[in-house]
C-alpha atoms as a PDB file:
ATOM      1  CA  MET A   1      27.389   1.195  -8.017  1.00  0.00           C
ATOM      2  CA  ARG A   2      26.221  -2.479  -5.596  1.00  0.00           C
ATOM      3  CA  SER A   3      23.559  -1.880  -3.484  1.00  0.00           C
ATOM      4  CA  PRO A   4      24.443  -2.197   0.337  1.00  0.00           C
ATOM      5  CA  SER A   5      23.601  -5.108   2.161  1.00  0.00           C
ATOM      6  CA  TRP A   6      21.603  -4.770   5.302  1.00  0.00           C
ATOM      7  CA  SER A   7      24.902  -4.402   7.563  1.00  0.00           C
ATOM      8  CA  GLN A   8      26.355  -2.067   5.220  1.00  0.00           C
ATOM      9  CA  LEU A   9      23.354   0.374   5.840  1.00  0.00           C
ATOM     10  CA  THR A  10      24.125   2.985   8.967  1.00  0.00           C
ATOM     11  CA  PRO A  11      22.499   2.408  12.341  1.00  0.00           C
ATOM     12  CA  GLN A  12      19.705   5.439  11.643  1.00  0.00           C
ATOM     13  CA  GLU A  13      18.914   3.682   8.310  1.00  0.00           C
ATOM     14  CA  GLN A  14      18.748  -0.196  10.030  1.00  0.00           C
ATOM     15  CA  LYS A  15      16.766   1.647  12.884  1.00  0.00           C
ATOM     16  CA  VAL A  16      14.395   3.513  10.017  1.00  0.00           C
ATOM     17  CA  LEU A  17      14.009   0.666   7.763  1.00  0.00           C
ATOM     18  CA  ALA A  18      14.201  -2.086  10.539  1.00  0.00           C
ATOM     19  CA  PRO A  19      10.526  -3.745   9.031  1.00  0.00           C
ATOM     20  CA  LEU A  20      12.320  -4.401   5.638  1.00  0.00           C
ATOM     21  CA  SER A  21      15.820  -6.150   7.479  1.00  0.00           C
ATOM     22  CA  PRO A  22      14.437  -9.740   5.965  1.00  0.00           C
ATOM     23  CA  GLU A  23      13.895  -8.643   2.907  1.00  0.00           C
ATOM     24  CA  TRP A  24      16.772  -6.337   2.412  1.00  0.00           C
ATOM     25  CA  ASP A  25      19.294  -8.670   0.600  1.00  0.00           C
ATOM     26  CA  LYS A  26      16.887  -9.576  -1.390  1.00  0.00           C
ATOM     27  CA  LEU A  27      15.486  -5.822  -2.802  1.00  0.00           C
ATOM     28  CA  ASP A  28      16.986  -4.779  -6.277  1.00  0.00           C
ATOM     29  CA  ALA A  29      19.422  -1.819  -6.333  1.00  0.00           C
ATOM     30  CA  GLN A  30      16.747   0.846  -7.043  1.00  0.00           C
ATOM     31  CA  ARG A  31      14.332  -0.287  -4.662  1.00  0.00           C
ATOM     32  CA  LYS A  32      17.068  -0.266  -1.871  1.00  0.00           C
ATOM     33  CA  GLN A  33      17.908   3.276  -2.915  1.00  0.00           C
ATOM     34  CA  LYS A  34      14.113   4.429  -2.488  1.00  0.00           C
ATOM     35  CA  TRP A  35      14.129   2.785   0.665  1.00  0.00           C
ATOM     36  CA  ARG A  36      17.097   4.702   1.715  1.00  0.00           C
ATOM     37  CA  GLY A  37      16.016   7.842   0.473  1.00  0.00           C
ATOM     38  CA  LEU A  38      12.871   7.338   3.061  1.00  0.00           C
ATOM     39  CA  ALA A  39      15.323   6.476   5.728  1.00  0.00           C
ATOM     40  CA  GLN A  40      17.265  10.270   4.963  1.00  0.00           C
ATOM     41  CA  ARG A  41      13.638  11.976   5.014  1.00  0.00           C
ATOM     42  CA  TYR A  42      12.608  10.704   8.123  1.00  0.00           C
ATOM     43  CA  PRO A  43      14.029  12.799  10.755  1.00  0.00           C
ATOM     44  CA  LYS A  44      12.644  15.683   9.142  1.00  0.00           C
ATOM     45  CA  MET A  45       9.350  13.876   9.292  1.00  0.00           C
ATOM     46  CA  ALA A  46       6.512  15.141  11.928  1.00  0.00           C
ATOM     47  CA  PRO A  47       5.987  12.117  14.258  1.00  0.00           C
ATOM     48  CA  ASP A  48       2.292  11.031  13.326  1.00  0.00           C
ATOM     49  CA  GLU A  49       4.185  11.155  10.011  1.00  0.00           C
ATOM     50  CA  GLN A  50       6.909   8.975  11.110  1.00  0.00           C
ATOM     51  CA  GLN A  51       4.345   6.823  12.647  1.00  0.00           C
ATOM     52  CA  ARG A  52       2.478   6.181   9.621  1.00  0.00           C
ATOM     53  CA  VAL A  53       5.701   5.565   7.828  1.00  0.00           C
ATOM     54  CA  GLN A  54       6.854   2.940   9.736  1.00  0.00           C
ATOM     55  CA  GLN A  55       2.852   1.402   9.755  1.00  0.00           C
ATOM     56  CA  GLN A  56       2.794   1.399   6.363  1.00  0.00           C
ATOM     57  CA  MET A  57       6.467  -0.064   5.954  1.00  0.00           C
ATOM     58  CA  GLN A  58       5.107  -3.046   8.295  1.00  0.00           C
ATOM     59  CA  SER A  59       2.107  -3.841   6.248  1.00  0.00           C
ATOM     60  CA  TRP A  60       4.336  -3.610   2.979  1.00  0.00           C
ATOM     61  CA  ALA A  61       6.991  -5.742   4.392  1.00  0.00           C
ATOM     62  CA  LYS A  62       4.248  -8.441   5.383  1.00  0.00           C
ATOM     63  CA  LEU A  63       2.645  -8.689   1.204  1.00  0.00           C
ATOM     64  CA  THR A  64       4.075 -11.282  -0.761  1.00  0.00           C
ATOM     65  CA  PRO A  65       6.405 -10.542  -4.051  1.00  0.00           C
ATOM     66  CA  GLN A  66       2.746 -10.950  -5.896  1.00  0.00           C
ATOM     67  CA  GLU A  67       0.850  -8.505  -3.233  1.00  0.00           C
ATOM     68  CA  ARG A  68       3.499  -6.000  -4.050  1.00  0.00           C
ATOM     69  CA  ALA A  69       3.316  -6.225  -7.561  1.00  0.00           C
ATOM     70  CA  VAL A  70      -0.594  -5.738  -7.185  1.00  0.00           C
ATOM     71  CA  ALA A  71       0.155  -2.596  -5.425  1.00  0.00           C
ATOM     72  CA  ARG A  72       2.502  -0.984  -7.776  1.00  0.00           C
ATOM     73  CA  GLU A  73      -0.126  -1.441 -10.527  1.00  0.00           C
ATOM     74  CA  GLN A  74      -2.740  -0.100  -8.797  1.00  0.00           C
ATOM     75  CA  TYR A  75      -0.601   2.999  -7.924  1.00  0.00           C
ATOM     76  CA  LYS A  76       0.404   3.385 -11.366  1.00  0.00           C
ATOM     77  CA  SER A  77      -3.139   3.177 -12.619  1.00  0.00           C
ATOM     78  CA  MET A  78      -4.233   5.606 -10.003  1.00  0.00           C
ATOM     79  CA  LYS A  79      -1.872   8.224 -11.195  1.00  0.00           C
ATOM     80  CA  GLN A  80      -3.309   7.568 -14.638  1.00  0.00           C
ATOM     81  CA  LEU A  81      -6.604   8.959 -13.763  1.00  0.00           C
ATOM     82  CA  PRO A  82      -8.146  12.219 -14.616  1.00  0.00           C
ATOM     83  CA  PRO A  83      -8.599  14.699 -11.365  1.00  0.00           C
ATOM     84  CA  GLU A  84     -11.864  14.018 -11.082  1.00  0.00           C
ATOM     85  CA  LYS A  85     -11.870  10.245 -10.672  1.00  0.00           C
ATOM     86  CA  LYS A  86      -9.175  10.431  -8.719  1.00  0.00           C
ATOM     87  CA  ALA A  87     -11.129  12.272  -5.914  1.00  0.00           C
ATOM     88  CA  GLU A  88     -14.116  10.044  -6.224  1.00  0.00           C
ATOM     89  CA  VAL A  89     -11.742   7.018  -5.958  1.00  0.00           C
ATOM     90  CA  ARG A  90     -10.225   8.419  -2.553  1.00  0.00           C
ATOM     91  CA  GLU A  91     -13.728   9.354  -1.565  1.00  0.00           C
ATOM     92  CA  ARG A  92     -14.604   6.048  -1.501  1.00  0.00           C
ATOM     93  CA  TRP A  93     -11.367   4.000  -0.397  1.00  0.00           C
ATOM     94  CA  GLN A  94     -12.012   6.762   3.283  1.00  0.00           C
ATOM     95  CA  THR A  95     -15.546   5.253   3.352  1.00  0.00           C
ATOM     96  CA  TYR A  96     -14.330   1.969   3.111  1.00  0.00           C
ATOM     97  CA  GLN A  97     -11.431   2.697   5.613  1.00  0.00           C
ATOM     98  CA  SER A  98     -14.326   4.227   7.985  1.00  0.00           C
ATOM     99  CA  LEU A  99     -16.058   0.906   8.005  1.00  0.00           C
ATOM    100  CA  PRO A 100     -15.328  -1.016  11.161  1.00  0.00           C
ATOM    101  CA  PRO A 101     -12.722  -3.819  11.031  1.00  0.00           C
ATOM    102  CA  GLU A 102     -15.801  -6.544  10.998  1.00  0.00           C
ATOM    103  CA  THR A 103     -17.411  -5.336   8.344  1.00  0.00           C
ATOM    104  CA  ARG A 104     -14.068  -4.722   6.322  1.00  0.00           C
ATOM    105  CA  ALA A 105     -13.052  -8.367   7.242  1.00  0.00           C
ATOM    106  CA  GLU A 106     -16.622  -9.628   5.738  1.00  0.00           C
ATOM    107  CA  LEU A 107     -15.943  -7.502   2.638  1.00  0.00           C
ATOM    108  CA  ALA A 108     -12.680  -9.072   2.490  1.00  0.00           C
ATOM    109  CA  ALA A 109     -13.789 -12.710   2.796  1.00  0.00           C
ATOM    110  CA  LYS A 110     -16.373 -12.213   0.192  1.00  0.00           C
ATOM    111  CA  PRO A 111     -15.506 -13.146  -3.596  1.00  0.00           C
ATOM    112  CA  VAL A 112     -15.773  -9.836  -6.003  1.00  0.00           C
ATOM    113  CA  ALA A 113     -18.661  -9.726  -7.943  1.00  0.00           C
ATOM    114  CA  PRO A 114     -18.363  -8.922 -11.724  1.00  0.00           C
ATOM    115  CA  ALA A 115     -18.726  -5.321 -13.254  1.00  0.00           C
ATOM    116  CA  GLY A 116     -21.687  -4.054 -12.831  1.00  0.00           C
ATOM    117  CA  THR A 117     -23.084  -6.997 -10.846  1.00  0.00           C
ATOM    118  CA  GLN A 118     -21.991  -6.004  -7.078  1.00  0.00           C
ATOM    119  CA  PRO A 119     -24.739  -5.979  -4.545  1.00  0.00           C
ATOM    120  CA  LYS A 120     -26.254  -2.395  -3.773  1.00  0.00           C
ATOM    121  CA  ALA A 121     -24.800  -2.471  -0.394  1.00  0.00           C
ATOM    122  CA  LEU A 122     -21.191  -2.818  -2.338  1.00  0.00           C
ATOM    123  CA  GLN A 123     -21.371  -0.061  -4.565  1.00  0.00           C
ATOM    124  CA  SER A 124     -20.758   2.604  -2.390  1.00  0.00           C
ATOM    125  CA  THR A 125     -17.441   0.759  -0.723  1.00  0.00           C
ATOM    126  CA  PRO A 126     -14.619   0.132  -2.959  1.00  0.00           C
ATOM    127  CA  PRO A 127     -13.366  -3.272  -2.993  1.00  0.00           C
ATOM    128  CA  PRO A 128     -10.474  -4.412  -0.427  1.00  0.00           C
ATOM    129  CA  THR A 129      -7.315  -4.278  -2.397  1.00  0.00           C
ATOM    130  CA  GLY A 130      -4.508  -5.840  -0.245  1.00  0.00           C
ATOM    131  CA  LEU A 131      -3.269  -2.470   0.741  1.00  0.00           C
ATOM    132  CA  PRO A 132      -4.272  -2.543   4.390  1.00  0.00           C
ATOM    133  CA  ALA A 133      -2.816  -4.362   6.609  1.00  0.00           C
ATOM    134  CA  GLY A 134      -4.360  -7.923   6.753  1.00  0.00           C
ATOM    135  CA  THR A 135      -6.556  -7.355   3.639  1.00  0.00           C
ATOM    136  CA  PRO A 136      -5.661  -9.769   0.485  1.00  0.00           C
ATOM    137  CA  PRO A 137      -5.590  -8.291  -2.563  1.00  0.00           C
ATOM    138  CA  ARG A 138      -8.598  -8.806  -5.099  1.00  0.00           C
ATOM    139  CA  ALA A 139      -9.679  -8.673  -8.386  1.00  0.00           C
ATOM    140  CA  LEU A 140     -11.166  -5.235  -8.726  1.00  0.00           C
ATOM    141  CA  PRO A 141     -14.175  -4.882 -11.046  1.00  0.00           C
ATOM    142  CA  SER A 142     -13.366  -3.264 -14.540  1.00  0.00           C
ATOM    143  CA  THR A 143     -15.452  -0.534 -14.369  1.00  0.00           C
ATOM    144  CA  LEU A 144     -13.838   1.236 -11.348  1.00  0.00           C
ATOM    145  CA  PRO A 145     -10.502   2.006 -11.002  1.00  0.00           C
ATOM    146  CA  PRO A 146      -8.329   0.370  -7.831  1.00  0.00           C
ATOM    147  CA  PRO A 147      -8.734   2.529  -4.648  1.00  0.00           C
ATOM    148  CA  PRO A 148      -5.304   4.282  -3.899  1.00  0.00           C
ATOM    149  CA  ALA A 149      -2.969   3.000  -1.735  1.00  0.00           C
ATOM    150  CA  THR A 150      -2.655   5.236   1.347  1.00  0.00           C
ATOM    151  CA  PRO A 151       0.013   7.767   0.968  1.00  0.00           C
ATOM    152  CA  GLY A 152       3.827   6.734   2.060  1.00  0.00           C
ATOM    153  CA  PRO A 153       6.747   4.646   1.316  1.00  0.00           C
ATOM    154  CA  ARG A 154       6.696   3.424  -2.121  1.00  0.00           C
ATOM    155  CA  PRO A 155       9.382   0.922  -2.982  1.00  0.00           C
END
């Protein structure tokens, strides 16, 4: 089965998947099918969920292929964590997300210290990971699992 080109998508699919249009024809068939599945579920989503999906899709489309690979690996490693560790990581991620944009930008600009040597101020917040818009992926301390990607579309 050939995967559809951008022009072969329905107008509704094109509208929902618009942030992906520049990269669409470069995606493999499996990823296209996943995105089309999201487009089919989209009309049934609540408006706030639709907005979140669009924002995440725009952020995803801005990532380089290498950043996307990092995000996928982080997602896989998060899925393998025990429930209590997942909860801890989510809490740390929410703390990081609640920081003012200037503070997050400051943290993103700093190199990540080797595991166990981070300054005390950084120990309570997760390192930036490249998943939020505008934040490049980072090397993560080996003792901590990566923060989760915000829930939403995955390729």
